[in-house]
Amino acid sequence: MTFGDECKEAILKGDIGLAEKLANKTVNEKLDLNEAIDAFSLAIREAGDLFEEGEFFLPELMRSAEAMKAAMEIFDPILKEGKEDRYLGKVVIGTIEGDIHDIGKTLVASLLSADGFEVHDLGADVPVSTFIDKAIEVDANIICISALLTTTMLGQKRLIDQLKEKNIRDKFKVLIGGAPISKTWVDEIGADGSAENAVSAVKLAKSVLGI
């Protein structure tokens, strides 16, 4: 079995321990970092394809994403030492204040990271001001804001309104997500798009940046 095959197996089986072992091997033995990341990335994309085809279910995709996240956490310090050209863009992501639902957002964050984005995950129950401050701090390209409750959806609108008030709306693409989100809501608040699942969220993020 080749190193690439091992990477694929780690991700598709959701084997966090194996993913970490292979990532550490890459770093410690000074193997080709780009080759290793590409192997892991191809595997997580395959997991996404299997999910879209109905051959993978959400728990399996989540395990794959966690394995990928574990590997990327080992690679991140090296990437940030001067190899930032590996990143497709910078994303600030979180679940809006008043909403503690975290699973879907975490999966999107993991897949974005796996696909080559620098992701700043703020967690759940995040105030609008924190999204904006972090986006400015890291010079983000995209703000992803999740709301799983109809009562917290208004936070997505507040974020966009505050960006407009600060005259920085054009600096960021704002993508929204969550069970109650509709195309009508996207248009009403002036967001740049929404995705129905984590796999399509990655495609949307690339699309809004012209990738």
Protein backbone atom coordinates (compact mmCIF):
# COMPACT_ATOMS: atom_id res chain seq x y z
CA MET A 1 0.00 0.00 0.00
CA THR A 2 1.41 3.39 -1.00
CA PHE A 3 1.55 6.37 1.34
CA GLY A 4 -1.26 7.97 -0.67
CA ASP A 5 -3.37 4.83 -0.26
CA GLU A 6 -2.80 4.94 3.49
CA CYS A 7 -3.94 8.58 3.59
CA LYS A 8 -7.06 7.64 1.63
CA GLU A 9 -7.81 4.75 3.98
CA ALA A 10 -7.40 6.97 7.05
CA ILE A 11 -9.91 9.51 5.76
CA LEU A 12 -12.49 7.18 4.24
CA LYS A 13 -12.50 5.01 7.36
CA GLY A 14 -12.55 8.06 9.61
CA ASP A 15 -9.48 6.75 11.43
CA ILE A 16 -8.22 9.77 13.38
CA GLY A 17 -5.28 7.89 14.91
CA LEU A 18 -4.01 6.76 11.51
CA ALA A 19 -4.49 10.23 10.01
CA GLU A 20 -2.43 11.75 12.84
CA LYS A 21 0.23 9.06 12.49
CA LEU A 22 0.60 9.70 8.75
CA ALA A 23 0.66 13.47 9.22
CA ASN A 24 3.33 13.18 11.91
CA LYS A 25 5.32 10.84 9.68
CA THR A 26 5.20 13.46 6.92
CA VAL A 27 6.53 16.13 9.25
CA ASN A 28 9.09 14.05 11.16
CA GLU A 29 10.55 12.32 8.10
CA LYS A 30 10.38 15.51 6.04
CA LEU A 31 8.26 13.90 3.32
CA ASP A 32 6.70 16.05 0.60
CA LEU A 33 4.10 18.13 2.46
CA ASN A 34 2.20 19.13 -0.68
CA GLU A 35 1.97 15.50 -1.76
CA ALA A 36 0.60 14.46 1.64
CA ILE A 37 -1.97 17.26 1.75
CA ASP A 38 -3.07 16.47 -1.80
CA ALA A 39 -3.53 12.80 -0.87
CA PHE A 40 -5.65 13.68 2.17
CA SER A 41 -7.60 16.28 0.16
CA LEU A 42 -8.43 13.85 -2.64
CA ALA A 43 -9.72 11.42 -0.01
CA ILE A 44 -11.99 13.95 1.71
CA ARG A 45 -13.37 15.00 -1.68
CA GLU A 46 -14.11 11.35 -2.40
CA ALA A 47 -15.90 11.14 0.95
CA GLY A 48 -17.96 14.17 -0.08
CA ASP A 49 -18.80 12.57 -3.42
CA LEU A 50 -19.84 9.35 -1.70
CA PHE A 51 -22.09 11.38 0.61
CA GLU A 52 -23.74 13.14 -2.33
CA GLU A 53 -24.25 9.79 -4.08
CA GLY A 54 -25.92 8.34 -0.99
CA GLU A 55 -23.16 5.79 -0.36
CA PHE A 56 -21.89 7.64 2.72
CA PHE A 57 -24.16 8.80 5.51
CA LEU A 58 -23.71 11.86 7.72
CA PRO A 59 -21.95 10.03 10.61
CA GLU A 60 -19.41 8.58 8.15
CA LEU A 61 -18.80 11.95 6.53
CA MET A 62 -18.35 13.51 9.96
CA ARG A 63 -15.78 10.88 10.95
CA SER A 64 -13.91 11.47 7.69
CA ALA A 65 -13.97 15.22 8.32
CA GLU A 66 -12.64 14.76 11.86
CA ALA A 67 -9.78 12.59 10.59
CA MET A 68 -8.95 15.22 7.99
CA LYS A 69 -9.12 17.97 10.59
CA ALA A 70 -6.72 16.03 12.85
CA ALA A 71 -4.17 15.74 10.04
CA MET A 72 -4.49 19.40 9.04
CA GLU A 73 -3.95 20.54 12.63
CA ILE A 74 -0.53 18.89 12.46
CA PHE A 75 0.24 20.50 9.09
CA ASP A 76 -1.08 23.98 9.97
CA PRO A 77 1.99 25.29 11.84
CA ILE A 78 4.18 24.43 8.85
CA LEU A 79 1.76 25.98 6.37
CA LYS A 80 1.76 29.18 8.39
CA GLU A 81 5.56 29.37 8.35
CA GLY A 82 5.53 30.81 4.87
CA LYS A 83 3.58 28.43 2.69
CA GLU A 84 0.29 30.29 2.83
CA ASP A 85 -0.04 30.00 -0.94
CA ARG A 86 -1.54 26.59 -0.15
CA TYR A 87 -4.65 28.38 1.07
CA LEU A 88 -7.50 29.17 -1.31
CA GLY A 89 -8.80 31.91 0.97
CA LYS A 90 -9.58 32.82 4.58
CA VAL A 91 -12.91 31.93 6.16
CA VAL A 92 -14.41 33.03 9.48
CA ILE A 93 -17.19 30.65 10.51
CA GLY A 94 -19.50 30.24 13.48
CA THR A 95 -23.04 29.76 14.76
CA ILE A 96 -24.86 32.97 15.65
CA GLU A 97 -25.50 34.19 19.19
CA GLY A 98 -28.39 32.42 20.90
CA ASP A 99 -27.83 29.21 18.93
CA ILE A 100 -25.73 26.39 20.39
CA HIS A 101 -26.06 23.97 17.46
CA ASP A 102 -22.55 23.13 16.35
CA ILE A 103 -22.42 19.87 14.37
CA GLY A 104 -23.28 21.15 10.89
CA LYS A 105 -21.08 24.21 11.24
CA THR A 106 -18.15 22.11 12.48
CA LEU A 107 -18.51 19.77 9.51
CA VAL A 108 -18.49 22.69 7.07
CA ALA A 109 -15.40 24.11 8.79
CA SER A 110 -13.61 20.76 8.56
CA LEU A 111 -14.40 20.30 4.88
CA LEU A 112 -13.39 23.88 4.04
CA SER A 113 -10.09 23.31 5.83
CA ALA A 114 -9.65 19.99 4.05
CA ASP A 115 -10.18 21.62 0.70
CA GLY A 116 -7.52 24.26 1.23
CA PHE A 117 -9.12 27.18 3.06
CA GLU A 118 -7.64 28.80 6.16
CA VAL A 119 -10.53 28.45 8.58
CA HIS A 120 -11.13 30.42 11.78
CA ASP A 121 -13.89 28.56 13.64
CA LEU A 122 -15.46 30.76 16.32
CA GLY A 123 -17.69 27.99 17.67
CA ALA A 124 -21.34 28.43 18.65
CA ASP A 125 -23.34 31.23 20.31
CA VAL A 126 -21.15 33.90 18.68
CA PRO A 127 -22.10 37.62 18.81
CA VAL A 128 -22.29 39.49 15.49
CA SER A 129 -19.52 41.84 16.61
CA THR A 130 -17.15 38.89 17.11
CA PHE A 131 -17.69 37.70 13.53
CA ILE A 132 -16.89 41.17 12.21
CA ASP A 133 -13.90 41.78 14.47
CA LYS A 134 -12.35 38.43 13.56
CA ALA A 135 -12.97 38.91 9.84
CA ILE A 136 -11.21 42.28 9.97
CA GLU A 137 -8.38 40.90 12.12
CA VAL A 138 -7.49 38.01 9.78
CA ASP A 139 -8.43 39.85 6.56
CA ALA A 140 -10.98 37.16 5.71
CA ASN A 141 -12.46 36.61 2.27
CA ILE A 142 -15.62 34.88 3.51
CA ILE A 143 -17.82 35.01 6.61
CA CYS A 144 -19.96 31.89 7.11
CA ILE A 145 -22.74 32.31 9.64
CA SER A 146 -25.01 29.46 10.70
CA ALA A 147 -28.42 29.61 12.38
CA LEU A 148 -30.40 26.47 13.14
CA LEU A 149 -33.35 28.22 14.76
CA THR A 150 -35.89 30.59 13.21
CA THR A 151 -35.44 32.76 16.29
CA THR A 152 -31.72 33.26 15.61
CA MET A 153 -31.89 33.78 11.85
CA LEU A 154 -32.20 37.52 12.38
CA GLY A 155 -28.59 37.49 13.55
CA GLN A 156 -27.57 36.80 9.96
CA LYS A 157 -29.38 39.94 8.86
CA ARG A 158 -27.82 41.96 11.69
CA LEU A 159 -24.36 40.89 10.57
CA ILE A 160 -24.93 42.14 7.03
CA ASP A 161 -26.58 45.34 8.27
CA GLN A 162 -23.60 46.08 10.52
CA LEU A 163 -21.13 45.43 7.71
CA LYS A 164 -23.05 47.99 5.65
CA GLU A 165 -23.07 50.49 8.51
CA LYS A 166 -19.29 50.17 8.78
CA ASN A 167 -18.95 50.54 4.98
CA ILE A 168 -17.14 47.21 4.73
CA ARG A 169 -19.87 45.01 3.23
CA ASP A 170 -17.94 44.72 -0.05
CA LYS A 171 -14.83 43.40 1.72
CA PHE A 172 -16.41 40.05 2.55
CA LYS A 173 -18.56 37.39 0.93
CA VAL A 174 -21.25 36.41 3.43
CA LEU A 175 -22.54 32.84 3.20
CA ILE A 176 -25.37 31.69 5.45
CA GLY A 177 -26.58 28.26 6.46
CA GLY A 178 -28.98 26.37 8.69
CA ALA A 179 -32.17 24.36 8.44
CA PRO A 180 -34.61 27.33 8.20
CA ILE A 181 -32.64 29.16 5.49
CA SER A 182 -34.31 29.65 2.10
CA LYS A 183 -33.40 31.36 -1.16
CA THR A 184 -35.97 34.03 -0.27
CA TRP A 185 -34.17 34.76 3.01
CA VAL A 186 -30.80 34.93 1.23
CA ASP A 187 -32.19 37.51 -1.20
CA GLU A 188 -34.06 39.42 1.50
CA ILE A 189 -31.00 40.05 3.67
CA GLY A 190 -28.54 40.44 0.80
CA ALA A 191 -26.30 37.44 1.55
CA ASP A 192 -23.99 36.07 -1.12
CA GLY A 193 -25.44 32.57 -0.98
CA SER A 194 -26.39 29.53 1.08
CA ALA A 195 -25.77 25.81 0.80
CA GLU A 196 -27.98 22.87 1.69
CA ASN A 197 -25.17 20.70 3.05
CA ALA A 198 -21.47 20.77 3.94
CA VAL A 199 -20.27 19.43 0.60
CA SER A 200 -22.17 22.05 -1.40
CA ALA A 201 -20.94 24.73 1.06
CA VAL A 202 -17.36 24.06 -0.04
CA LYS A 203 -18.37 24.32 -3.70
CA LEU A 204 -20.19 27.58 -2.97
CA ALA A 205 -17.19 29.05 -1.13
CA LYS A 206 -15.00 28.33 -4.14
CA SER A 207 -17.61 29.69 -6.51
CA VAL A 208 -18.01 33.07 -4.77
CA LEU A 209 -14.23 33.53 -4.90
CA GLY A 210 -14.12 32.57 -8.57
CA ILE A 211 -12.16 29.37 -7.93
